[in-house]
PDB file of N, CA and C in Angstrom:
ATOM      1  N   MET A   1      17.580  37.018  19.810  1.00  0.00           N
ATOM      2  CA  MET A   1      18.285  35.759  19.732  1.00  0.00           C
ATOM      3  C   MET A   1      19.210  35.654  20.950  1.00  0.00           C
ATOM      4  N   THR A   2      18.706  35.075  21.988  1.00  0.00           N
ATOM      5  CA  THR A   2      19.464  34.922  23.221  1.00  0.00           C
ATOM      6  C   THR A   2      20.295  33.655  23.162  1.00  0.00           C
ATOM      7  N   PRO A   3      21.520  33.689  23.668  1.00  0.00           N
ATOM      8  CA  PRO A   3      22.347  32.485  23.651  1.00  0.00           C
ATOM      9  C   PRO A   3      21.660  31.350  24.400  1.00  0.00           C
ATOM     10  N   HIS A   4      21.529  30.225  23.752  1.00  0.00           N
ATOM     11  CA  HIS A   4      20.908  29.053  24.360  1.00  0.00           C
ATOM     12  C   HIS A   4      21.741  27.823  24.068  1.00  0.00           C
ATOM     13  N   ASN A   5      21.558  26.841  24.889  1.00  0.00           N
ATOM     14  CA  ASN A   5      22.188  25.545  24.697  1.00  0.00           C
ATOM     15  C   ASN A   5      21.193  24.653  23.973  1.00  0.00           C
ATOM     16  N   LYS A   6      21.598  23.998  22.893  1.00  0.00           N
ATOM     17  CA  LYS A   6      20.687  23.163  22.115  1.00  0.00           C
ATOM     18  C   LYS A   6      20.124  22.002  22.921  1.00  0.00           C
ATOM     19  N   GLY A   7      20.881  21.467  23.862  1.00  0.00           N
ATOM     20  CA  GLY A   7      20.408  20.371  24.691  1.00  0.00           C
ATOM     21  C   GLY A   7      19.770  20.872  25.978  1.00  0.00           C
ATOM     22  N   GLU A   8      19.197  22.058  25.919  1.00  0.00           N
ATOM     23  CA  GLU A   8      18.689  22.750  27.090  1.00  0.00           C
ATOM     24  C   GLU A   8      17.682  21.933  27.904  1.00  0.00           C
ATOM     25  N   LYS A   9      16.860  21.137  27.256  1.00  0.00           N
ATOM     26  CA  LYS A   9      15.845  20.388  27.998  1.00  0.00           C
ATOM     27  C   LYS A   9      16.471  19.359  28.933  1.00  0.00           C
ATOM     28  N   PHE A  10      17.744  19.046  28.731  1.00  0.00           N
ATOM     29  CA  PHE A  10      18.435  18.091  29.591  1.00  0.00           C
ATOM     30  C   PHE A  10      19.229  18.778  30.699  1.00  0.00           C
ATOM     31  N   ASN A  11      19.243  20.104  30.696  1.00  0.00           N
ATOM     32  CA  ASN A  11      19.957  20.845  31.725  1.00  0.00           C
ATOM     33  C   ASN A  11      19.214  20.732  33.054  1.00  0.00           C
ATOM     34  N   PRO A  12      19.956  20.752  34.151  1.00  0.00           N
ATOM     35  CA  PRO A  12      19.284  20.726  35.455  1.00  0.00           C
ATOM     36  C   PRO A  12      18.499  22.020  35.682  1.00  0.00           C
ATOM     37  N   GLN A  13      17.572  21.948  36.590  1.00  0.00           N
ATOM     38  CA  GLN A  13      16.716  23.096  36.930  1.00  0.00           C
ATOM     39  C   GLN A  13      17.534  24.338  37.264  1.00  0.00           C
ATOM     40  N   TRP A  14      18.604  24.163  38.051  1.00  0.00           N
ATOM     41  CA  TRP A  14      19.386  25.333  38.449  1.00  0.00           C
ATOM     42  C   TRP A  14      20.012  26.023  37.244  1.00  0.00           C
ATOM     43  N   ALA A  15      20.417  25.254  36.226  1.00  0.00           N
ATOM     44  CA  ALA A  15      21.034  25.852  35.031  1.00  0.00           C
ATOM     45  C   ALA A  15      20.006  26.683  34.268  1.00  0.00           C
ATOM     46  N   ARG A  16      18.791  26.192  34.172  1.00  0.00           N
ATOM     47  CA  ARG A  16      17.733  26.959  33.506  1.00  0.00           C
ATOM     48  C   ARG A  16      17.407  28.219  34.304  1.00  0.00           C
ATOM     49  N   GLN A  17      17.433  28.120  35.632  1.00  0.00           N
ATOM     50  CA  GLN A  17      17.177  29.285  36.474  1.00  0.00           C
ATOM     51  C   GLN A  17      18.302  30.315  36.334  1.00  0.00           C
ATOM     52  N   VAL A  18      19.541  29.852  36.293  1.00  0.00           N
ATOM     53  CA  VAL A  18      20.674  30.758  36.096  1.00  0.00           C
ATOM     54  C   VAL A  18      20.511  31.488  34.769  1.00  0.00           C
ATOM     55  N   ARG A  19      20.193  30.752  33.714  1.00  0.00           N
ATOM     56  CA  ARG A  19      19.977  31.367  32.399  1.00  0.00           C
ATOM     57  C   ARG A  19      18.903  32.447  32.470  1.00  0.00           C
ATOM     58  N   ASP A  20      17.798  32.138  33.140  1.00  0.00           N
ATOM     59  CA  ASP A  20      16.701  33.101  33.243  1.00  0.00           C
ATOM     60  C   ASP A  20      17.116  34.352  34.021  1.00  0.00           C
ATOM     61  N   VAL A  21      17.806  34.171  35.122  1.00  0.00           N
ATOM     62  CA  VAL A  21      18.263  35.318  35.917  1.00  0.00           C
ATOM     63  C   VAL A  21      19.216  36.180  35.088  1.00  0.00           C
ATOM     64  N   LEU A  22      20.157  35.549  34.408  1.00  0.00           N
ATOM     65  CA  LEU A  22      21.133  36.311  33.615  1.00  0.00           C
ATOM     66  C   LEU A  22      20.457  37.057  32.470  1.00  0.00           C
ATOM     67  N   ASN A  23      19.451  36.449  31.869  1.00  0.00           N
ATOM     68  CA  ASN A  23      18.744  37.114  30.778  1.00  0.00           C
ATOM     69  C   ASN A  23      17.827  38.223  31.286  1.00  0.00           C
ATOM     70  N   ASP A  24      17.241  38.034  32.460  1.00  0.00           N
ATOM     71  CA  ASP A  24      16.379  39.066  33.029  1.00  0.00           C
ATOM     72  C   ASP A  24      17.169  40.247  33.575  1.00  0.00           C
ATOM     73  N   ARG A  25      18.351  39.977  34.091  1.00  0.00           N
ATOM     74  CA  ARG A  25      19.156  41.022  34.742  1.00  0.00           C
ATOM     75  C   ARG A  25      20.446  41.275  33.966  1.00  0.00           C
ATOM     76  N   TRP A  26      20.354  41.265  32.650  1.00  0.00           N
ATOM     77  CA  TRP A  26      21.507  41.331  31.761  1.00  0.00           C
ATOM     78  C   TRP A  26      22.339  42.592  31.943  1.00  0.00           C
ATOM     79  N   ASN A  27      21.723  43.694  32.367  1.00  0.00           N
ATOM     80  CA  ASN A  27      22.488  44.935  32.488  1.00  0.00           C
ATOM     81  C   ASN A  27      22.928  45.209  33.919  1.00  0.00           C
ATOM     82  N   GLU A  28      22.806  44.210  34.790  1.00  0.00           N
ATOM     83  CA  GLU A  28      23.277  44.315  36.172  1.00  0.00           C
ATOM     84  C   GLU A  28      24.516  43.440  36.337  1.00  0.00           C
ATOM     85  N   ASN A  29      25.305  43.744  37.338  1.00  0.00           N
ATOM     86  CA  ASN A  29      26.444  42.898  37.668  1.00  0.00           C
ATOM     87  C   ASN A  29      26.023  41.952  38.780  1.00  0.00           C
ATOM     88  N   VAL A  30      25.452  40.820  38.402  1.00  0.00           N
ATOM     89  CA  VAL A  30      25.000  39.830  39.371  1.00  0.00           C
ATOM     90  C   VAL A  30      26.221  39.033  39.814  1.00  0.00           C
ATOM     91  N   MET A  31      26.505  39.105  41.098  1.00  0.00           N
ATOM     92  CA  MET A  31      27.669  38.409  41.653  1.00  0.00           C
ATOM     93  C   MET A  31      27.372  36.911  41.756  1.00  0.00           C
ATOM     94  N   LEU A  32      28.413  36.110  41.647  1.00  0.00           N
ATOM     95  CA  LEU A  32      28.269  34.653  41.679  1.00  0.00           C
ATOM     96  C   LEU A  32      27.564  34.180  42.940  1.00  0.00           C
ATOM     97  N   HIS A  33      27.942  34.713  44.094  1.00  0.00           N
ATOM     98  CA  HIS A  33      27.308  34.256  45.337  1.00  0.00           C
ATOM     99  C   HIS A  33      25.825  34.619  45.371  1.00  0.00           C
ATOM    100  N   GLU A  34      25.450  35.767  44.794  1.00  0.00           N
ATOM    101  CA  GLU A  34      24.043  36.155  44.719  1.00  0.00           C
ATOM    102  C   GLU A  34      23.282  35.217  43.784  1.00  0.00           C
ATOM    103  N   LEU A  35      23.880  34.931  42.648  1.00  0.00           N
ATOM    104  CA  LEU A  35      23.278  34.016  41.681  1.00  0.00           C
ATOM    105  C   LEU A  35      23.071  32.639  42.307  1.00  0.00           C
ATOM    106  N   ALA A  36      24.084  32.160  43.000  1.00  0.00           N
ATOM    107  CA  ALA A  36      24.001  30.855  43.662  1.00  0.00           C
ATOM    108  C   ALA A  36      22.884  30.848  44.705  1.00  0.00           C
ATOM    109  N   SER A  37      22.770  31.915  45.438  1.00  0.00           N
ATOM    110  CA  SER A  37      21.719  32.019  46.445  1.00  0.00           C
ATOM    111  C   SER A  37      20.332  32.013  45.795  1.00  0.00           C
ATOM    112  N   LEU A  38      20.192  32.725  44.703  1.00  0.00           N
ATOM    113  CA  LEU A  38      18.905  32.794  44.004  1.00  0.00           C
ATOM    114  C   LEU A  38      18.442  31.437  43.487  1.00  0.00           C
ATOM    115  N   VAL A  39      19.389  30.633  43.010  1.00  0.00           N
ATOM    116  CA  VAL A  39      19.021  29.335  42.431  1.00  0.00           C
ATOM    117  C   VAL A  39      19.258  28.176  43.398  1.00  0.00           C
ATOM    118  N   GLU A  40      19.721  28.521  44.597  1.00  0.00           N
ATOM    119  CA  GLU A  40      19.901  27.561  45.689  1.00  0.00           C
ATOM    120  C   GLU A  40      20.868  26.418  45.359  1.00  0.00           C
ATOM    121  N   VAL A  41      22.025  26.815  44.802  1.00  0.00           N
ATOM    122  CA  VAL A  41      23.126  25.867  44.610  1.00  0.00           C
ATOM    123  C   VAL A  41      24.405  26.551  45.074  1.00  0.00           C
ATOM    124  N   HIS A  42      25.416  25.766  45.296  1.00  0.00           N
ATOM    125  CA  HIS A  42      26.703  26.313  45.752  1.00  0.00           C
ATOM    126  C   HIS A  42      27.373  27.049  44.592  1.00  0.00           C
ATOM    127  N   PRO A  43      28.042  28.166  44.869  1.00  0.00           N
ATOM    128  CA  PRO A  43      28.743  28.904  43.809  1.00  0.00           C
ATOM    129  C   PRO A  43      29.731  28.043  43.020  1.00  0.00           C
ATOM    130  N   VAL A  44      30.397  27.104  43.691  1.00  0.00           N
ATOM    131  CA  VAL A  44      31.356  26.238  43.002  1.00  0.00           C
ATOM    132  C   VAL A  44      30.633  25.366  41.969  1.00  0.00           C
ATOM    133  N   THR A  45      29.413  24.952  42.281  1.00  0.00           N
ATOM    134  CA  THR A  45      28.637  24.147  41.335  1.00  0.00           C
ATOM    135  C   THR A  45      28.393  24.936  40.053  1.00  0.00           C
ATOM    136  N   ILE A  46      28.012  26.190  40.206  1.00  0.00           N
ATOM    137  CA  ILE A  46      27.781  27.029  39.023  1.00  0.00           C
ATOM    138  C   ILE A  46      29.079  27.196  38.237  1.00  0.00           C
ATOM    139  N   SER A  47      30.149  27.570  38.927  1.00  0.00           N
ATOM    140  CA  SER A  47      31.433  27.779  38.240  1.00  0.00           C
ATOM    141  C   SER A  47      31.921  26.532  37.527  1.00  0.00           C
ATOM    142  N   LYS A  48      31.786  25.410  38.183  1.00  0.00           N
ATOM    143  CA  LYS A  48      32.312  24.163  37.639  1.00  0.00           C
ATOM    144  C   LYS A  48      31.483  23.635  36.465  1.00  0.00           C
ATOM    145  N   PHE A  49      30.155  23.717  36.579  1.00  0.00           N
ATOM    146  CA  PHE A  49      29.297  23.073  35.588  1.00  0.00           C
ATOM    147  C   PHE A  49      28.700  24.016  34.547  1.00  0.00           C
ATOM    148  N   PHE A  50      28.802  25.318  34.752  1.00  0.00           N
ATOM    149  CA  PHE A  50      28.257  26.256  33.773  1.00  0.00           C
ATOM    150  C   PHE A  50      28.790  25.989  32.366  1.00  0.00           C
ATOM    151  N   PRO A  51      30.107  25.829  32.180  1.00  0.00           N
ATOM    152  CA  PRO A  51      30.622  25.567  30.827  1.00  0.00           C
ATOM    153  C   PRO A  51      30.072  24.279  30.202  1.00  0.00           C
ATOM    154  N   LYS A  52      29.776  23.300  31.013  1.00  0.00           N
ATOM    155  CA  LYS A  52      29.219  22.037  30.497  1.00  0.00           C
ATOM    156  C   LYS A  52      27.852  22.278  29.857  1.00  0.00           C
ATOM    157  N   TYR A  53      27.048  23.112  30.463  1.00  0.00           N
ATOM    158  CA  TYR A  53      25.682  23.327  29.979  1.00  0.00           C
ATOM    159  C   TYR A  53      25.561  24.472  28.985  1.00  0.00           C
ATOM    160  N   PHE A  54      26.491  25.426  29.000  1.00  0.00           N
ATOM    161  CA  PHE A  54      26.381  26.604  28.151  1.00  0.00           C
ATOM    162  C   PHE A  54      27.537  26.758  27.166  1.00  0.00           C
ATOM    163  N   HIS A  55      28.523  25.887  27.232  1.00  0.00           N
ATOM    164  CA  HIS A  55      29.660  25.873  26.298  1.00  0.00           C
ATOM    165  C   HIS A  55      30.459  27.166  26.300  1.00  0.00           C
ATOM    166  N   CYS A  56      30.445  27.853  27.432  1.00  0.00           N
ATOM    167  CA  CYS A  56      31.263  29.043  27.645  1.00  0.00           C
ATOM    168  C   CYS A  56      31.264  29.312  29.147  1.00  0.00           C
ATOM    169  N   THR A  57      32.108  30.228  29.567  1.00  0.00           N
ATOM    170  CA  THR A  57      32.126  30.570  30.989  1.00  0.00           C
ATOM    171  C   THR A  57      30.945  31.480  31.303  1.00  0.00           C
ATOM    172  N   LEU A  58      30.696  31.655  32.575  1.00  0.00           N
ATOM    173  CA  LEU A  58      29.630  32.545  33.027  1.00  0.00           C
ATOM    174  C   LEU A  58      29.870  33.965  32.514  1.00  0.00           C
ATOM    175  N   GLY A  59      31.097  34.444  32.626  1.00  0.00           N
ATOM    176  CA  GLY A  59      31.428  35.785  32.146  1.00  0.00           C
ATOM    177  C   GLY A  59      31.232  35.939  30.648  1.00  0.00           C
ATOM    178  N   GLU A  60      31.642  34.931  29.890  1.00  0.00           N
ATOM    179  CA  GLU A  60      31.455  34.978  28.432  1.00  0.00           C
ATOM    180  C   GLU A  60      29.973  35.025  28.083  1.00  0.00           C
ATOM    181  N   TYR A  61      29.181  34.259  28.800  1.00  0.00           N
ATOM    182  CA  TYR A  61      27.736  34.228  28.550  1.00  0.00           C
ATOM    183  C   TYR A  61      27.120  35.608  28.785  1.00  0.00           C
ATOM    184  N   VAL A  62      27.482  36.229  29.894  1.00  0.00           N
ATOM    185  CA  VAL A  62      26.966  37.561  30.211  1.00  0.00           C
ATOM    186  C   VAL A  62      27.386  38.555  29.130  1.00  0.00           C
ATOM    187  N   ARG A  63      28.636  38.484  28.710  1.00  0.00           N
ATOM    188  CA  ARG A  63      29.111  39.400  27.655  1.00  0.00           C
ATOM    189  C   ARG A  63      28.360  39.170  26.344  1.00  0.00           C
ATOM    190  N   LYS A  64      28.058  37.918  26.013  1.00  0.00           N
ATOM    191  CA  LYS A  64      27.289  37.635  24.793  1.00  0.00           C
ATOM    192  C   LYS A  64      25.902  38.262  24.867  1.00  0.00           C
ATOM    193  N   ILE A  65      25.256  38.132  26.007  1.00  0.00           N
ATOM    194  CA  ILE A  65      23.930  38.736  26.176  1.00  0.00           C
ATOM    195  C   ILE A  65      24.024  40.248  26.013  1.00  0.00           C
ATOM    196  N   ARG A  66      25.016  40.845  26.643  1.00  0.00           N
ATOM    197  CA  ARG A  66      25.168  42.302  26.582  1.00  0.00           C
ATOM    198  C   ARG A  66      25.454  42.787  25.166  1.00  0.00           C
ATOM    199  N   VAL A  67      26.266  42.056  24.430  1.00  0.00           N
ATOM    200  CA  VAL A  67      26.549  42.430  23.037  1.00  0.00           C
ATOM    201  C   VAL A  67      25.288  42.288  22.198  1.00  0.00           C
ATOM    202  N   GLU A  68      24.522  41.249  22.457  1.00  0.00           N
ATOM    203  CA  GLU A  68      23.251  41.063  21.739  1.00  0.00           C
ATOM    204  C   GLU A  68      22.316  42.252  21.984  1.00  0.00           C
ATOM    205  N   LYS A  69      22.215  42.689  23.224  1.00  0.00           N
ATOM    206  CA  LYS A  69      21.379  43.853  23.544  1.00  0.00           C
ATOM    207  C   LYS A  69      21.947  45.100  22.880  1.00  0.00           C
ATOM    208  N   ALA A  70      23.266  45.223  22.861  1.00  0.00           N
ATOM    209  CA  ALA A  70      23.900  46.382  22.232  1.00  0.00           C
ATOM    210  C   ALA A  70      23.621  46.417  20.732  1.00  0.00           C
ATOM    211  N   THR A  71      23.642  45.265  20.078  1.00  0.00           N
ATOM    212  CA  THR A  71      23.361  45.253  18.635  1.00  0.00           C
ATOM    213  C   THR A  71      21.950  45.759  18.364  1.00  0.00           C
ATOM    214  N   THR A  72      21.012  45.402  19.226  1.00  0.00           N
ATOM    215  CA  THR A  72      19.640  45.894  19.074  1.00  0.00           C
ATOM    216  C   THR A  72      19.597  47.408  19.238  1.00  0.00           C
ATOM    217  N   LEU A  73      20.284  47.912  20.258  1.00  0.00           N
ATOM    218  CA  LEU A  73      20.309  49.366  20.478  1.00  0.00           C
ATOM    219  C   LEU A  73      20.990  50.096  19.327  1.00  0.00           C
ATOM    220  N   ILE A  74      22.055  49.530  18.805  1.00  0.00           N
ATOM    221  CA  ILE A  74      22.762  50.162  17.685  1.00  0.00           C
ATOM    222  C   ILE A  74      21.828  50.261  16.483  1.00  0.00           C
ATOM    223  N   ARG A  75      21.088  49.186  16.225  1.00  0.00           N
ATOM    224  CA  ARG A  75      20.174  49.171  15.073  1.00  0.00           C
ATOM    225  C   ARG A  75      18.963  50.083  15.258  1.00  0.00           C
ATOM    226  N   LYS A  76      18.426  50.137  16.478  1.00  0.00           N
ATOM    227  CA  LYS A  76      17.128  50.780  16.681  1.00  0.00           C
ATOM    228  C   LYS A  76      17.180  52.151  17.345  1.00  0.00           C
ATOM    229  N   SER A  77      18.365  52.623  17.708  1.00  0.00           N
ATOM    230  CA  SER A  77      18.425  53.926  18.377  1.00  0.00           C
ATOM    231  C   SER A  77      19.513  54.781  17.761  1.00  0.00           C
ATOM    232  N   GLN A  78      19.497  56.017  18.138  1.00  0.00           N
ATOM    233  CA  GLN A  78      20.524  56.962  17.687  1.00  0.00           C
ATOM    234  C   GLN A  78      21.469  57.317  18.837  1.00  0.00           C
ATOM    235  N   LEU A  79      21.449  56.499  19.889  1.00  0.00           N
ATOM    236  CA  LEU A  79      22.317  56.750  21.035  1.00  0.00           C
ATOM    237  C   LEU A  79      23.789  56.660  20.631  1.00  0.00           C
ATOM    238  N   PRO A  80      24.625  57.487  21.228  1.00  0.00           N
ATOM    239  CA  PRO A  80      26.069  57.355  20.977  1.00  0.00           C
ATOM    240  C   PRO A  80      26.574  56.024  21.542  1.00  0.00           C
ATOM    241  N   LEU A  81      27.651  55.514  20.975  1.00  0.00           N
ATOM    242  CA  LEU A  81      28.187  54.223  21.405  1.00  0.00           C
ATOM    243  C   LEU A  81      28.583  54.224  22.880  1.00  0.00           C
ATOM    244  N   THR A  82      29.047  55.344  23.385  1.00  0.00           N
ATOM    245  CA  THR A  82      29.404  55.423  24.807  1.00  0.00           C
ATOM    246  C   THR A  82      28.175  55.163  25.678  1.00  0.00           C
ATOM    247  N   SER A  83      27.054  55.744  25.318  1.00  0.00           N
ATOM    248  CA  SER A  83      25.812  55.532  26.071  1.00  0.00           C
ATOM    249  C   SER A  83      25.360  54.087  25.976  1.00  0.00           C
ATOM    250  N   ILE A  84      25.463  53.515  24.796  1.00  0.00           N
ATOM    251  CA  ILE A  84      25.088  52.110  24.611  1.00  0.00           C
ATOM    252  C   ILE A  84      25.987  51.217  25.452  1.00  0.00           C
ATOM    253  N   ALA A  85      27.282  51.507  25.445  1.00  0.00           N
ATOM    254  CA  ALA A  85      28.236  50.718  26.228  1.00  0.00           C
ATOM    255  C   ALA A  85      27.871  50.736  27.712  1.00  0.00           C
ATOM    256  N   HIS A  86      27.604  51.905  28.235  1.00  0.00           N
ATOM    257  CA  HIS A  86      27.261  52.017  29.661  1.00  0.00           C
ATOM    258  C   HIS A  86      25.907  51.385  29.961  1.00  0.00           C
ATOM    259  N   HIS A  87      24.939  51.599  29.087  1.00  0.00           N
ATOM    260  CA  HIS A  87      23.607  51.009  29.275  1.00  0.00           C
ATOM    261  C   HIS A  87      23.676  49.481  29.297  1.00  0.00           C
ATOM    262  N   CYS A  88      24.583  48.926  28.515  1.00  0.00           N
ATOM    263  CA  CYS A  88      24.706  47.469  28.416  1.00  0.00           C
ATOM    264  C   CYS A  88      25.665  46.878  29.453  1.00  0.00           C
ATOM    265  N   GLY A  89      26.117  47.687  30.381  1.00  0.00           N
ATOM    266  CA  GLY A  89      26.896  47.172  31.497  1.00  0.00           C
ATOM    267  C   GLY A  89      28.391  47.100  31.286  1.00  0.00           C
ATOM    268  N   PHE A  90      28.894  47.725  30.236  1.00  0.00           N
ATOM    269  CA  PHE A  90      30.337  47.747  30.013  1.00  0.00           C
ATOM    270  C   PHE A  90      30.946  48.915  30.776  1.00  0.00           C
ATOM    271  N   PHE A  91      32.143  48.705  31.296  1.00  0.00           N
ATOM    272  CA  PHE A  91      32.802  49.701  32.124  1.00  0.00           C
ATOM    273  C   PHE A  91      33.117  50.973  31.340  1.00  0.00           C
ATOM    274  N   ASP A  92      33.578  50.793  30.112  1.00  0.00           N
ATOM    275  CA  ASP A  92      33.880  51.946  29.273  1.00  0.00           C
ATOM    276  C   ASP A  92      33.761  51.539  27.806  1.00  0.00           C
ATOM    277  N   GLN A  93      33.885  52.531  26.930  1.00  0.00           N
ATOM    278  CA  GLN A  93      33.693  52.281  25.508  1.00  0.00           C
ATOM    279  C   GLN A  93      34.773  51.368  24.928  1.00  0.00           C
ATOM    280  N   SER A  94      36.014  51.477  25.397  1.00  0.00           N
ATOM    281  CA  SER A  94      37.073  50.635  24.828  1.00  0.00           C
ATOM    282  C   SER A  94      36.826  49.155  25.158  1.00  0.00           C
ATOM    283  N   HIS A  95      36.357  48.883  26.367  1.00  0.00           N
ATOM    284  CA  HIS A  95      36.013  47.504  26.724  1.00  0.00           C
ATOM    285  C   HIS A  95      34.862  47.016  25.853  1.00  0.00           C
ATOM    286  N   PHE A  96      33.869  47.863  25.675  1.00  0.00           N
ATOM    287  CA  PHE A  96      32.726  47.532  24.828  1.00  0.00           C
ATOM    288  C   PHE A  96      33.172  47.223  23.397  1.00  0.00           C
ATOM    289  N   VAL A  97      33.999  48.079  22.830  1.00  0.00           N
ATOM    290  CA  VAL A  97      34.477  47.895  21.459  1.00  0.00           C
ATOM    291  C   VAL A  97      35.231  46.575  21.318  1.00  0.00           C
ATOM    292  N   ARG A  98      36.109  46.282  22.260  1.00  0.00           N
ATOM    293  CA  ARG A  98      36.902  45.048  22.219  1.00  0.00           C
ATOM    294  C   ARG A  98      36.004  43.807  22.286  1.00  0.00           C
ATOM    295  N   VAL A  99      35.066  43.791  23.231  1.00  0.00           N
ATOM    296  CA  VAL A  99      34.176  42.634  23.397  1.00  0.00           C
ATOM    297  C   VAL A  99      33.227  42.518  22.204  1.00  0.00           C
ATOM    298  N   PHE A 100      32.725  43.641  21.718  1.00  0.00           N
ATOM    299  CA  PHE A 100      31.818  43.640  20.572  1.00  0.00           C
ATOM    300  C   PHE A 100      32.506  43.032  19.349  1.00  0.00           C
ATOM    301  N   LYS A 101      33.743  43.450  19.101  1.00  0.00           N
ATOM    302  CA  LYS A 101      34.487  42.915  17.949  1.00  0.00           C
ATOM    303  C   LYS A 101      34.785  41.429  18.127  1.00  0.00           C
ATOM    304  N   GLN A 102      35.165  41.007  19.330  1.00  0.00           N
ATOM    305  CA  GLN A 102      35.427  39.588  19.575  1.00  0.00           C
ATOM    306  C   GLN A 102      34.173  38.750  19.336  1.00  0.00           C
ATOM    307  N   THR A 103      33.025  39.284  19.704  1.00  0.00           N
ATOM    308  CA  THR A 103      31.777  38.534  19.619  1.00  0.00           C
ATOM    309  C   THR A 103      31.175  38.549  18.224  1.00  0.00           C
ATOM    310  N   THR A 104      31.169  39.721  17.570  1.00  0.00           N
ATOM    311  CA  THR A 104      30.481  39.846  16.280  1.00  0.00           C
ATOM    312  C   THR A 104      31.411  39.828  15.076  1.00  0.00           C
ATOM    313  N   GLY A 105      32.681  40.147  15.300  1.00  0.00           N
ATOM    314  CA  GLY A 105      33.617  40.258  14.190  1.00  0.00           C
ATOM    315  C   GLY A 105      33.639  41.650  13.581  1.00  0.00           C
ATOM    316  N   PHE A 106      32.809  42.551  14.104  1.00  0.00           N
ATOM    317  CA  PHE A 106      32.726  43.921  13.598  1.00  0.00           C
ATOM    318  C   PHE A 106      33.012  44.914  14.715  1.00  0.00           C
ATOM    319  N   LEU A 107      33.557  46.059  14.348  1.00  0.00           N
ATOM    320  CA  LEU A 107      33.611  47.177  15.272  1.00  0.00           C
ATOM    321  C   LEU A 107      32.206  47.768  15.352  1.00  0.00           C
ATOM    322  N   PRO A 108      31.804  48.298  16.488  1.00  0.00           N
ATOM    323  CA  PRO A 108      30.449  48.840  16.609  1.00  0.00           C
ATOM    324  C   PRO A 108      30.098  49.898  15.556  1.00  0.00           C
ATOM    325  N   ASN A 109      31.034  50.808  15.240  1.00  0.00           N
ATOM    326  CA  ASN A 109      30.775  51.822  14.215  1.00  0.00           C
ATOM    327  C   ASN A 109      30.510  51.180  12.858  1.00  0.00           C
ATOM    328  N   ARG A 110      31.265  50.163  12.535  1.00  0.00           N
ATOM    329  CA  ARG A 110      31.086  49.443  11.262  1.00  0.00           C
ATOM    330  C   ARG A 110      29.748  48.726  11.245  1.00  0.00           C
ATOM    331  N   TYR A 111      29.398  48.105  12.373  1.00  0.00           N
ATOM    332  CA  TYR A 111      28.120  47.407  12.487  1.00  0.00           C
ATOM    333  C   TYR A 111      26.955  48.381  12.295  1.00  0.00           C
ATOM    334  N   LYS A 112      27.112  49.575  12.851  1.00  0.00           N
ATOM    335  CA  LYS A 112      26.072  50.606  12.751  1.00  0.00           C
ATOM    336  C   LYS A 112      25.832  51.013  11.294  1.00  0.00           C
ATOM    337  N   LYS A 113      26.889  50.999  10.495  1.00  0.00           N
ATOM    338  CA  LYS A 113      26.774  51.398   9.095  1.00  0.00           C
ATOM    339  C   LYS A 113      26.171  50.320   8.197  1.00  0.00           C
ATOM    340  N   LEU A 114      26.174  49.078   8.682  1.00  0.00           N
ATOM    341  CA  LEU A 114      25.667  47.969   7.861  1.00  0.00           C
ATOM    342  C   LEU A 114      24.184  48.024   7.629  1.00  0.00           C
TER     343      LEU A 114
END
């Protein structure tokens, strides 16, 4: 279940391309200027209009994707949470725990027990 915009068919081509790049490279730190170059729009255009099409900031969107991938790993693997955090692109476990709780409402350990 990847974060999507319900009015997606009305989004401009560059917004759909940004979504695809972010979903394909979810565990990489894609810089704004690189993203802009890939979709051939100015970085300011992405920054300014991303919230209009995705109802969150670019950073929030990336974090949502990463938490979604982490929930899958928590459910389907026996990896320690630290490994999952690093695999999903979080700097450390405390950052992962904070973002995971903000996004899902659960601490990762609690989610694992569900």
